[in-house]
Each structure stands twice: as structure tokens, then as C-alpha cells.
Amino acid sequence: MVTALVLINTKHGHINSVAEALVEMEGVSEVYSVGGRYDLVAIIRVRTNELMADLVTSAMLKLPNIDKTETLIAFKAYSQHDLERMFAIGADAE
């Protein structure tokens, strides 16, 4: 599995529309709106480097209202938290 984080700047007023378009793309597992230098962070998980290249350099570039991206390829995962389990802590307490 190849994982990348894509840091994205959008044109003014288009964060939501870009995020919604990204999350519908095959290979994009999550999209976060963030504060700071970037507007969005897309988490990409695909089987091969070739699929990653196609997604980032072809499919994402066709989306309107993206000004700039920076792609960070993950080499090694040091933590694999079960996010659903983490957020469910205390959910069954009544």
C-alpha cells in the first residue's frame, strides 16, 4: 500500500467544493480542512506508485479551483491507530 498526504491550497471560497470533489475520487481515503498555510489535506492510499502518480498528476490536476499542491509520500507508518475505536471510547457508557 502506498500512502501520501497531499497539502492543497484552493482558490478563495472553494474549500468545500474541492474537498467534496476530492473525497469522491478513488484512492482518496480522507480529506481534512485545516488551519495554517494550507486549506486542505487529502490522505491517499493506493496499491502502487503508478496509481499514486495517476491520481496526483492527472486526476487531481483536472479539478477546478486548486491553486497549489504539495505531495508528501509516506515511507513508513509508525502508528496504526484504529480511529473508529478511539472515537468510540465511552460511547457505550449510559
PDB file of N, CA and C in Angstrom:
ATOM      1  N   MET A   1       0.847  -1.174   0.000  1.00  0.00           N
ATOM      2  CA  MET A   1       0.000   0.000   0.000  1.00  0.00           C
ATOM      3  C   MET A   1       0.891   1.235   0.000  1.00  0.00           C
ATOM      4  N   VAL A   2       0.578   2.177  -0.864  1.00  0.00           N
ATOM      5  CA  VAL A   2       1.296   3.439  -0.946  1.00  0.00           C
ATOM      6  C   VAL A   2       0.395   4.517  -0.345  1.00  0.00           C
ATOM      7  N   THR A   3       0.960   5.294   0.577  1.00  0.00           N
ATOM      8  CA  THR A   3       0.203   6.355   1.234  1.00  0.00           C
ATOM      9  C   THR A   3       0.880   7.685   0.980  1.00  0.00           C
ATOM     10  N   ALA A   4       0.079   8.709   0.739  1.00  0.00           N
ATOM     11  CA  ALA A   4       0.602  10.068   0.567  1.00  0.00           C
ATOM     12  C   ALA A   4      -0.348  11.050   1.227  1.00  0.00           C
ATOM     13  N   LEU A   5       0.214  12.160   1.657  1.00  0.00           N
ATOM     14  CA  LEU A   5      -0.569  13.287   2.149  1.00  0.00           C
ATOM     15  C   LEU A   5      -0.386  14.398   1.128  1.00  0.00           C
ATOM     16  N   VAL A   6      -1.490  14.920   0.622  1.00  0.00           N
ATOM     17  CA  VAL A   6      -1.425  15.997  -0.361  1.00  0.00           C
ATOM     18  C   VAL A   6      -1.922  17.266   0.321  1.00  0.00           C
ATOM     19  N   LEU A   7      -1.035  18.255   0.420  1.00  0.00           N
ATOM     20  CA  LEU A   7      -1.353  19.548   1.020  1.00  0.00           C
ATOM     21  C   LEU A   7      -1.864  20.445  -0.099  1.00  0.00           C
ATOM     22  N   ILE A   8      -3.014  21.057   0.100  1.00  0.00           N
ATOM     23  CA  ILE A   8      -3.700  21.736  -1.003  1.00  0.00           C
ATOM     24  C   ILE A   8      -4.094  23.152  -0.622  1.00  0.00           C
ATOM     25  N   ASN A   9      -3.832  24.082  -1.522  1.00  0.00           N
ATOM     26  CA  ASN A   9      -4.368  25.441  -1.443  1.00  0.00           C
ATOM     27  C   ASN A   9      -5.428  25.573  -2.528  1.00  0.00           C
ATOM     28  N   THR A  10      -6.586  26.121  -2.144  1.00  0.00           N
ATOM     29  CA  THR A  10      -7.679  26.301  -3.093  1.00  0.00           C
ATOM     30  C   THR A  10      -7.844  27.787  -3.405  1.00  0.00           C
ATOM     31  N   LYS A  11      -8.570  28.048  -4.467  1.00  0.00           N
ATOM     32  CA  LYS A  11      -8.951  29.426  -4.751  1.00  0.00           C
ATOM     33  C   LYS A  11      -9.934  29.870  -3.673  1.00  0.00           C
ATOM     34  N   HIS A  12      -9.949  31.164  -3.400  1.00  0.00           N
ATOM     35  CA  HIS A  12     -10.776  31.735  -2.338  1.00  0.00           C
ATOM     36  C   HIS A  12     -12.231  31.296  -2.467  1.00  0.00           C
ATOM     37  N   GLY A  13     -12.780  30.780  -1.377  1.00  0.00           N
ATOM     38  CA  GLY A  13     -14.184  30.406  -1.347  1.00  0.00           C
ATOM     39  C   GLY A  13     -14.515  29.035  -1.887  1.00  0.00           C
ATOM     40  N   HIS A  14     -13.509  28.230  -2.203  1.00  0.00           N
ATOM     41  CA  HIS A  14     -13.769  26.940  -2.837  1.00  0.00           C
ATOM     42  C   HIS A  14     -13.296  25.734  -2.030  1.00  0.00           C
ATOM     43  N   ILE A  15     -13.031  25.924  -0.751  1.00  0.00           N
ATOM     44  CA  ILE A  15     -12.550  24.806   0.067  1.00  0.00           C
ATOM     45  C   ILE A  15     -13.558  23.660   0.063  1.00  0.00           C
ATOM     46  N   ASN A  16     -14.810  23.948   0.320  1.00  0.00           N
ATOM     47  CA  ASN A  16     -15.821  22.888   0.417  1.00  0.00           C
ATOM     48  C   ASN A  16     -16.012  22.140  -0.889  1.00  0.00           C
ATOM     49  N   SER A  17     -16.096  22.855  -2.001  1.00  0.00           N
ATOM     50  CA  SER A  17     -16.336  22.183  -3.284  1.00  0.00           C
ATOM     51  C   SER A  17     -15.155  21.323  -3.692  1.00  0.00           C
ATOM     52  N   VAL A  18     -13.940  21.789  -3.424  1.00  0.00           N
ATOM     53  CA  VAL A  18     -12.755  20.986  -3.745  1.00  0.00           C
ATOM     54  C   VAL A  18     -12.701  19.752  -2.845  1.00  0.00           C
ATOM     55  N   ALA A  19     -12.977  19.924  -1.553  1.00  0.00           N
ATOM     56  CA  ALA A  19     -12.963  18.797  -0.620  1.00  0.00           C
ATOM     57  C   ALA A  19     -13.989  17.741  -1.030  1.00  0.00           C
ATOM     58  N   GLU A  20     -15.171  18.177  -1.394  1.00  0.00           N
ATOM     59  CA  GLU A  20     -16.217  17.242  -1.804  1.00  0.00           C
ATOM     60  C   GLU A  20     -15.841  16.490  -3.076  1.00  0.00           C
ATOM     61  N   ALA A  21     -15.197  17.166  -4.016  1.00  0.00           N
ATOM     62  CA  ALA A  21     -14.761  16.502  -5.252  1.00  0.00           C
ATOM     63  C   ALA A  21     -13.637  15.507  -4.960  1.00  0.00           C
ATOM     64  N   LEU A  22     -12.711  15.887  -4.095  1.00  0.00           N
ATOM     65  CA  LEU A  22     -11.590  15.002  -3.770  1.00  0.00           C
ATOM     66  C   LEU A  22     -12.045  13.722  -3.097  1.00  0.00           C
ATOM     67  N   VAL A  23     -12.932  13.834  -2.136  1.00  0.00           N
ATOM     68  CA  VAL A  23     -13.341  12.662  -1.361  1.00  0.00           C
ATOM     69  C   VAL A  23     -14.089  11.643  -2.227  1.00  0.00           C
ATOM     70  N   GLU A  24     -14.595  12.060  -3.368  1.00  0.00           N
ATOM     71  CA  GLU A  24     -15.270  11.151  -4.293  1.00  0.00           C
ATOM     72  C   GLU A  24     -14.293  10.396  -5.205  1.00  0.00           C
ATOM     73  N   MET A  25     -13.034  10.789  -5.208  1.00  0.00           N
ATOM     74  CA  MET A  25     -12.049  10.167  -6.095  1.00  0.00           C
ATOM     75  C   MET A  25     -11.552   8.847  -5.511  1.00  0.00           C
ATOM     76  N   GLU A  26     -11.469   7.841  -6.359  1.00  0.00           N
ATOM     77  CA  GLU A  26     -10.953   6.547  -5.928  1.00  0.00           C
ATOM     78  C   GLU A  26      -9.498   6.697  -5.499  1.00  0.00           C
ATOM     79  N   GLY A  27      -9.194   6.214  -4.306  1.00  0.00           N
ATOM     80  CA  GLY A  27      -7.846   6.322  -3.772  1.00  0.00           C
ATOM     81  C   GLY A  27      -7.708   7.396  -2.713  1.00  0.00           C
ATOM     82  N   VAL A  28      -8.636   8.347  -2.679  1.00  0.00           N
ATOM     83  CA  VAL A  28      -8.620   9.382  -1.644  1.00  0.00           C
ATOM     84  C   VAL A  28      -9.443   8.846  -0.478  1.00  0.00           C
ATOM     85  N   SER A  29      -8.770   8.567   0.639  1.00  0.00           N
ATOM     86  CA  SER A  29      -9.485   7.960   1.763  1.00  0.00           C
ATOM     87  C   SER A  29     -10.089   8.991   2.704  1.00  0.00           C
ATOM     88  N   GLU A  30      -9.443  10.154   2.835  1.00  0.00           N
ATOM     89  CA  GLU A  30      -9.933  11.190   3.744  1.00  0.00           C
ATOM     90  C   GLU A  30      -9.504  12.552   3.223  1.00  0.00           C
ATOM     91  N   VAL A  31     -10.295  13.557   3.544  1.00  0.00           N
ATOM     92  CA  VAL A  31      -9.933  14.946   3.242  1.00  0.00           C
ATOM     93  C   VAL A  31     -10.248  15.771   4.484  1.00  0.00           C
ATOM     94  N   TYR A  32      -9.277  16.566   4.916  1.00  0.00           N
ATOM     95  CA  TYR A  32      -9.440  17.411   6.100  1.00  0.00           C
ATOM     96  C   TYR A  32      -9.285  18.866   5.711  1.00  0.00           C
ATOM     97  N   SER A  33     -10.178  19.720   6.221  1.00  0.00           N
ATOM     98  CA  SER A  33      -9.925  21.154   6.129  1.00  0.00           C
ATOM     99  C   SER A  33      -9.039  21.476   7.327  1.00  0.00           C
ATOM    100  N   VAL A  34      -8.037  22.317   7.108  1.00  0.00           N
ATOM    101  CA  VAL A  34      -7.050  22.591   8.150  1.00  0.00           C
ATOM    102  C   VAL A  34      -6.760  24.082   8.241  1.00  0.00           C
ATOM    103  N   GLY A  35      -6.213  24.475   9.366  1.00  0.00           N
ATOM    104  CA  GLY A  35      -5.751  25.847   9.529  1.00  0.00           C
ATOM    105  C   GLY A  35      -4.262  25.896   9.236  1.00  0.00           C
ATOM    106  N   GLY A  36      -3.761  27.063   8.904  1.00  0.00           N
ATOM    107  CA  GLY A  36      -2.344  27.212   8.620  1.00  0.00           C
ATOM    108  C   GLY A  36      -2.100  27.574   7.170  1.00  0.00           C
ATOM    109  N   ARG A  37      -0.950  27.166   6.655  1.00  0.00           N
ATOM    110  CA  ARG A  37      -0.543  27.515   5.283  1.00  0.00           C
ATOM    111  C   ARG A  37      -1.392  26.878   4.211  1.00  0.00           C
ATOM    112  N   TYR A  38      -2.024  25.758   4.513  1.00  0.00           N
ATOM    113  CA  TYR A  38      -2.803  25.030   3.514  1.00  0.00           C
ATOM    114  C   TYR A  38      -4.268  25.039   3.899  1.00  0.00           C
ATOM    115  N   ASP A  39      -5.125  24.803   2.910  1.00  0.00           N
ATOM    116  CA  ASP A  39      -6.565  24.775   3.132  1.00  0.00           C
ATOM    117  C   ASP A  39      -7.085  23.367   3.411  1.00  0.00           C
ATOM    118  N   LEU A  40      -6.516  22.393   2.696  1.00  0.00           N
ATOM    119  CA  LEU A  40      -6.965  21.009   2.784  1.00  0.00           C
ATOM    120  C   LEU A  40      -5.781  20.059   2.853  1.00  0.00           C
ATOM    121  N   VAL A  41      -6.012  18.907   3.459  1.00  0.00           N
ATOM    122  CA  VAL A  41      -5.062  17.793   3.407  1.00  0.00           C
ATOM    123  C   VAL A  41      -5.844  16.576   2.948  1.00  0.00           C
ATOM    124  N   ALA A  42      -5.399  15.975   1.855  1.00  0.00           N
ATOM    125  CA  ALA A  42      -6.018  14.754   1.345  1.00  0.00           C
ATOM    126  C   ALA A  42      -5.102  13.582   1.667  1.00  0.00           C
ATOM    127  N   ILE A  43      -5.675  12.523   2.234  1.00  0.00           N
ATOM    128  CA  ILE A  43      -4.935  11.309   2.524  1.00  0.00           C
ATOM    129  C   ILE A  43      -5.240  10.333   1.392  1.00  0.00           C
ATOM    130  N   ILE A  44      -4.187   9.877   0.739  1.00  0.00           N
ATOM    131  CA  ILE A  44      -4.342   8.978  -0.401  1.00  0.00           C
ATOM    132  C   ILE A  44      -3.733   7.636  -0.052  1.00  0.00           C
ATOM    133  N   ARG A  45      -4.475   6.571  -0.354  1.00  0.00           N
ATOM    134  CA  ARG A  45      -3.984   5.216  -0.147  1.00  0.00           C
ATOM    135  C   ARG A  45      -4.322   4.410  -1.400  1.00  0.00           C
ATOM    136  N   VAL A  46      -3.280   3.982  -2.093  1.00  0.00           N
ATOM    137  CA  VAL A  46      -3.451   3.197  -3.317  1.00  0.00           C
ATOM    138  C   VAL A  46      -2.473   2.023  -3.300  1.00  0.00           C
ATOM    139  N   ARG A  47      -2.638   1.101  -4.242  1.00  0.00           N
ATOM    140  CA  ARG A  47      -1.811  -0.107  -4.259  1.00  0.00           C
ATOM    141  C   ARG A  47      -0.412   0.102  -4.818  1.00  0.00           C
ATOM    142  N   THR A  48      -0.252   1.019  -5.778  1.00  0.00           N
ATOM    143  CA  THR A  48       1.044   1.146  -6.445  1.00  0.00           C
ATOM    144  C   THR A  48       1.446   2.608  -6.616  1.00  0.00           C
ATOM    145  N   ASN A  49       2.728   2.804  -6.847  1.00  0.00           N
ATOM    146  CA  ASN A  49       3.227   4.155  -7.141  1.00  0.00           C
ATOM    147  C   ASN A  49       2.618   4.701  -8.426  1.00  0.00           C
ATOM    148  N   GLU A  50       2.374   3.834  -9.388  1.00  0.00           N
ATOM    149  CA  GLU A  50       1.791   4.272 -10.657  1.00  0.00           C
ATOM    150  C   GLU A  50       0.384   4.826 -10.444  1.00  0.00           C
ATOM    151  N   LEU A  51      -0.407   4.150  -9.601  1.00  0.00           N
ATOM    152  CA  LEU A  51      -1.748   4.653  -9.291  1.00  0.00           C
ATOM    153  C   LEU A  51      -1.669   5.989  -8.566  1.00  0.00           C
ATOM    154  N   MET A  52      -0.675   6.127  -7.692  1.00  0.00           N
ATOM    155  CA  MET A  52      -0.476   7.395  -6.981  1.00  0.00           C
ATOM    156  C   MET A  52      -0.155   8.512  -7.981  1.00  0.00           C
ATOM    157  N   ALA A  53       0.763   8.220  -8.876  1.00  0.00           N
ATOM    158  CA  ALA A  53       1.154   9.220  -9.876  1.00  0.00           C
ATOM    159  C   ALA A  53      -0.038   9.633 -10.729  1.00  0.00           C
ATOM    160  N   ASP A  54      -0.834   8.670 -11.164  1.00  0.00           N
ATOM    161  CA  ASP A  54      -2.008   8.986 -11.982  1.00  0.00           C
ATOM    162  C   ASP A  54      -3.010   9.844 -11.211  1.00  0.00           C
ATOM    163  N   LEU A  55      -3.231   9.494  -9.962  1.00  0.00           N
ATOM    164  CA  LEU A  55      -4.193  10.235  -9.161  1.00  0.00           C
ATOM    165  C   LEU A  55      -3.742  11.673  -8.914  1.00  0.00           C
ATOM    166  N   VAL A  56      -2.479  11.833  -8.526  1.00  0.00           N
ATOM    167  CA  VAL A  56      -1.987  13.163  -8.160  1.00  0.00           C
ATOM    168  C   VAL A  56      -1.705  14.032  -9.382  1.00  0.00           C
ATOM    169  N   THR A  57      -1.084  13.472 -10.395  1.00  0.00           N
ATOM    170  CA  THR A  57      -0.657  14.308 -11.528  1.00  0.00           C
ATOM    171  C   THR A  57      -1.677  14.389 -12.657  1.00  0.00           C
ATOM    172  N   SER A  58      -2.667  13.511 -12.654  1.00  0.00           N
ATOM    173  CA  SER A  58      -3.684  13.580 -13.708  1.00  0.00           C
ATOM    174  C   SER A  58      -5.049  13.951 -13.149  1.00  0.00           C
ATOM    175  N   ALA A  59      -5.612  13.071 -12.335  1.00  0.00           N
ATOM    176  CA  ALA A  59      -6.987  13.266 -11.861  1.00  0.00           C
ATOM    177  C   ALA A  59      -7.139  14.525 -11.016  1.00  0.00           C
ATOM    178  N   MET A  60      -6.234  14.724 -10.059  1.00  0.00           N
ATOM    179  CA  MET A  60      -6.370  15.892  -9.186  1.00  0.00           C
ATOM    180  C   MET A  60      -6.128  17.192  -9.934  1.00  0.00           C
ATOM    181  N   LEU A  61      -5.242  17.181 -10.904  1.00  0.00           N
ATOM    182  CA  LEU A  61      -4.955  18.398 -11.664  1.00  0.00           C
ATOM    183  C   LEU A  61      -6.132  18.843 -12.525  1.00  0.00           C
ATOM    184  N   LYS A  62      -7.045  17.921 -12.805  1.00  0.00           N
ATOM    185  CA  LYS A  62      -8.220  18.267 -13.607  1.00  0.00           C
ATOM    186  C   LYS A  62      -9.306  18.962 -12.788  1.00  0.00           C
ATOM    187  N   LEU A  63      -9.185  18.896 -11.459  1.00  0.00           N
ATOM    188  CA  LEU A  63     -10.190  19.555 -10.625  1.00  0.00           C
ATOM    189  C   LEU A  63     -10.027  21.068 -10.691  1.00  0.00           C
ATOM    190  N   PRO A  64     -11.130  21.790 -10.846  1.00  0.00           N
ATOM    191  CA  PRO A  64     -11.028  23.251 -10.838  1.00  0.00           C
ATOM    192  C   PRO A  64     -10.815  23.774  -9.418  1.00  0.00           C
ATOM    193  N   ASN A  65     -10.292  24.958  -9.315  1.00  0.00           N
ATOM    194  CA  ASN A  65     -10.164  25.716  -8.064  1.00  0.00           C
ATOM    195  C   ASN A  65      -9.070  25.238  -7.117  1.00  0.00           C
ATOM    196  N   ILE A  66      -8.140  24.433  -7.617  1.00  0.00           N
ATOM    197  CA  ILE A  66      -6.953  24.103  -6.838  1.00  0.00           C
ATOM    198  C   ILE A  66      -5.836  25.019  -7.314  1.00  0.00           C
ATOM    199  N   ASP A  67      -5.255  25.794  -6.398  1.00  0.00           N
ATOM    200  CA  ASP A  67      -4.162  26.704  -6.751  1.00  0.00           C
ATOM    201  C   ASP A  67      -2.808  26.021  -6.709  1.00  0.00           C
ATOM    202  N   LYS A  68      -2.565  25.249  -5.647  1.00  0.00           N
ATOM    203  CA  LYS A  68      -1.233  24.694  -5.437  1.00  0.00           C
ATOM    204  C   LYS A  68      -1.343  23.437  -4.594  1.00  0.00           C
ATOM    205  N   THR A  69      -0.452  22.465  -4.853  1.00  0.00           N
ATOM    206  CA  THR A  69      -0.394  21.263  -4.027  1.00  0.00           C
ATOM    207  C   THR A  69       1.047  20.940  -3.675  1.00  0.00           C
ATOM    208  N   GLU A  70       1.197  20.220  -2.604  1.00  0.00           N
ATOM    209  CA  GLU A  70       2.490  19.657  -2.227  1.00  0.00           C
ATOM    210  C   GLU A  70       2.211  18.236  -1.756  1.00  0.00           C
ATOM    211  N   THR A  71       2.888  17.257  -2.347  1.00  0.00           N
ATOM    212  CA  THR A  71       2.633  15.862  -2.044  1.00  0.00           C
ATOM    213  C   THR A  71       3.756  15.291  -1.197  1.00  0.00           C
ATOM    214  N   LEU A  72       3.361  14.681  -0.089  1.00  0.00           N
ATOM    215  CA  LEU A  72       4.305  14.032   0.812  1.00  0.00           C
ATOM    216  C   LEU A  72       4.054  12.529   0.744  1.00  0.00           C
ATOM    217  N   ILE A  73       5.019  11.780   0.238  1.00  0.00           N
ATOM    218  CA  ILE A  73       4.903  10.325   0.151  1.00  0.00           C
ATOM    219  C   ILE A  73       5.351   9.729   1.481  1.00  0.00           C
ATOM    220  N   ALA A  74       4.537   8.854   2.042  1.00  0.00           N
ATOM    221  CA  ALA A  74       4.882   8.200   3.306  1.00  0.00           C
ATOM    222  C   ALA A  74       5.796   7.007   3.025  1.00  0.00           C
ATOM    223  N   PHE A  75       6.883   6.934   3.766  1.00  0.00           N
ATOM    224  CA  PHE A  75       7.806   5.807   3.643  1.00  0.00           C
ATOM    225  C   PHE A  75       7.453   4.683   4.610  1.00  0.00           C
ATOM    226  N   LYS A  76       7.117   5.055   5.848  1.00  0.00           N
ATOM    227  CA  LYS A  76       6.876   4.058   6.877  1.00  0.00           C
ATOM    228  C   LYS A  76       5.845   4.595   7.863  1.00  0.00           C
ATOM    229  N   ALA A  77       4.916   3.734   8.268  1.00  0.00           N
ATOM    230  CA  ALA A  77       3.926   4.100   9.275  1.00  0.00           C
ATOM    231  C   ALA A  77       4.438   3.646  10.636  1.00  0.00           C
ATOM    232  N   TYR A  78       4.492   4.567  11.570  1.00  0.00           N
ATOM    233  CA  TYR A  78       4.954   4.239  12.910  1.00  0.00           C
ATOM    234  C   TYR A  78       3.801   3.961  13.868  1.00  0.00           C
ATOM    235  N   SER A  79       2.587   4.306  13.479  1.00  0.00           N
ATOM    236  CA  SER A  79       1.428   4.095  14.331  1.00  0.00           C
ATOM    237  C   SER A  79       0.229   3.821  13.452  1.00  0.00           C
ATOM    238  N   GLN A  80      -0.511   2.781  13.780  1.00  0.00           N
ATOM    239  CA  GLN A  80      -1.712   2.465  13.017  1.00  0.00           C
ATOM    240  C   GLN A  80      -2.881   2.369  13.979  1.00  0.00           C
ATOM    241  N   HIS A  81      -3.380   3.534  14.404  1.00  0.00           N
ATOM    242  CA  HIS A  81      -4.494   3.594  15.338  1.00  0.00           C
ATOM    243  C   HIS A  81      -5.791   3.215  14.640  1.00  0.00           C
ATOM    244  N   ASP A  82      -6.645   2.558  15.368  1.00  0.00           N
ATOM    245  CA  ASP A  82      -7.997   2.291  14.905  1.00  0.00           C
ATOM    246  C   ASP A  82      -8.835   3.504  15.306  1.00  0.00           C
ATOM    247  N   LEU A  83      -8.975   4.469  14.379  1.00  0.00           N
ATOM    248  CA  LEU A  83      -9.632   5.735  14.693  1.00  0.00           C
ATOM    249  C   LEU A  83     -11.065   5.549  15.164  1.00  0.00           C
ATOM    250  N   GLU A  84     -11.787   4.632  14.546  1.00  0.00           N
ATOM    251  CA  GLU A  84     -13.174   4.421  14.947  1.00  0.00           C
ATOM    252  C   GLU A  84     -13.235   3.953  16.393  1.00  0.00           C
ATOM    253  N   ARG A  85     -12.343   3.054  16.769  1.00  0.00           N
ATOM    254  CA  ARG A  85     -12.307   2.558  18.144  1.00  0.00           C
ATOM    255  C   ARG A  85     -11.930   3.681  19.104  1.00  0.00           C
ATOM    256  N   MET A  86     -10.975   4.545  18.711  1.00  0.00           N
ATOM    257  CA  MET A  86     -10.545   5.640  19.572  1.00  0.00           C
ATOM    258  C   MET A  86     -11.687   6.619  19.842  1.00  0.00           C
ATOM    259  N   PHE A  87     -12.452   6.949  18.813  1.00  0.00           N
ATOM    260  CA  PHE A  87     -13.528   7.915  18.981  1.00  0.00           C
ATOM    261  C   PHE A  87     -14.744   7.310  19.667  1.00  0.00           C
ATOM    262  N   ALA A  88     -14.820   5.991  19.743  1.00  0.00           N
ATOM    263  CA  ALA A  88     -15.948   5.322  20.367  1.00  0.00           C
ATOM    264  C   ALA A  88     -15.740   5.136  21.871  1.00  0.00           C
ATOM    265  N   ILE A  89     -14.613   5.508  22.409  1.00  0.00           N
ATOM    266  CA  ILE A  89     -14.338   5.346  23.831  1.00  0.00           C
ATOM    267  C   ILE A  89     -15.388   6.094  24.630  1.00  0.00           C
ATOM    268  N   GLY A  90     -16.037   5.378  25.505  1.00  0.00           N
ATOM    269  CA  GLY A  90     -17.076   5.974  26.331  1.00  0.00           C
ATOM    270  C   GLY A  90     -18.421   6.087  25.654  1.00  0.00           C
ATOM    271  N   ALA A  91     -18.520   5.678  24.390  1.00  0.00           N
ATOM    272  CA  ALA A  91     -19.781   5.806  23.659  1.00  0.00           C
ATOM    273  C   ALA A  91     -20.838   4.852  24.193  1.00  0.00           C
ATOM    274  N   ASP A  92     -20.423   3.718  24.767  1.00  0.00           N
ATOM    275  CA  ASP A  92     -21.400   2.775  25.253  1.00  0.00           C
ATOM    276  C   ASP A  92     -21.766   3.014  26.710  1.00  0.00           C
ATOM    277  N   ALA A  93     -21.156   4.027  27.324  1.00  0.00           N
ATOM    278  CA  ALA A  93     -21.498   4.382  28.713  1.00  0.00           C
ATOM    279  C   ALA A  93     -22.806   5.185  28.695  1.00  0.00           C
ATOM    280  N   GLU A  94     -23.759   4.771  29.508  1.00  0.00           N
ATOM    281  CA  GLU A  94     -25.064   5.471  29.516  1.00  0.00           C
ATOM    282  C   GLU A  94     -25.360   6.016  30.856  1.00  0.00           C
TER     283      GLU A  94
END
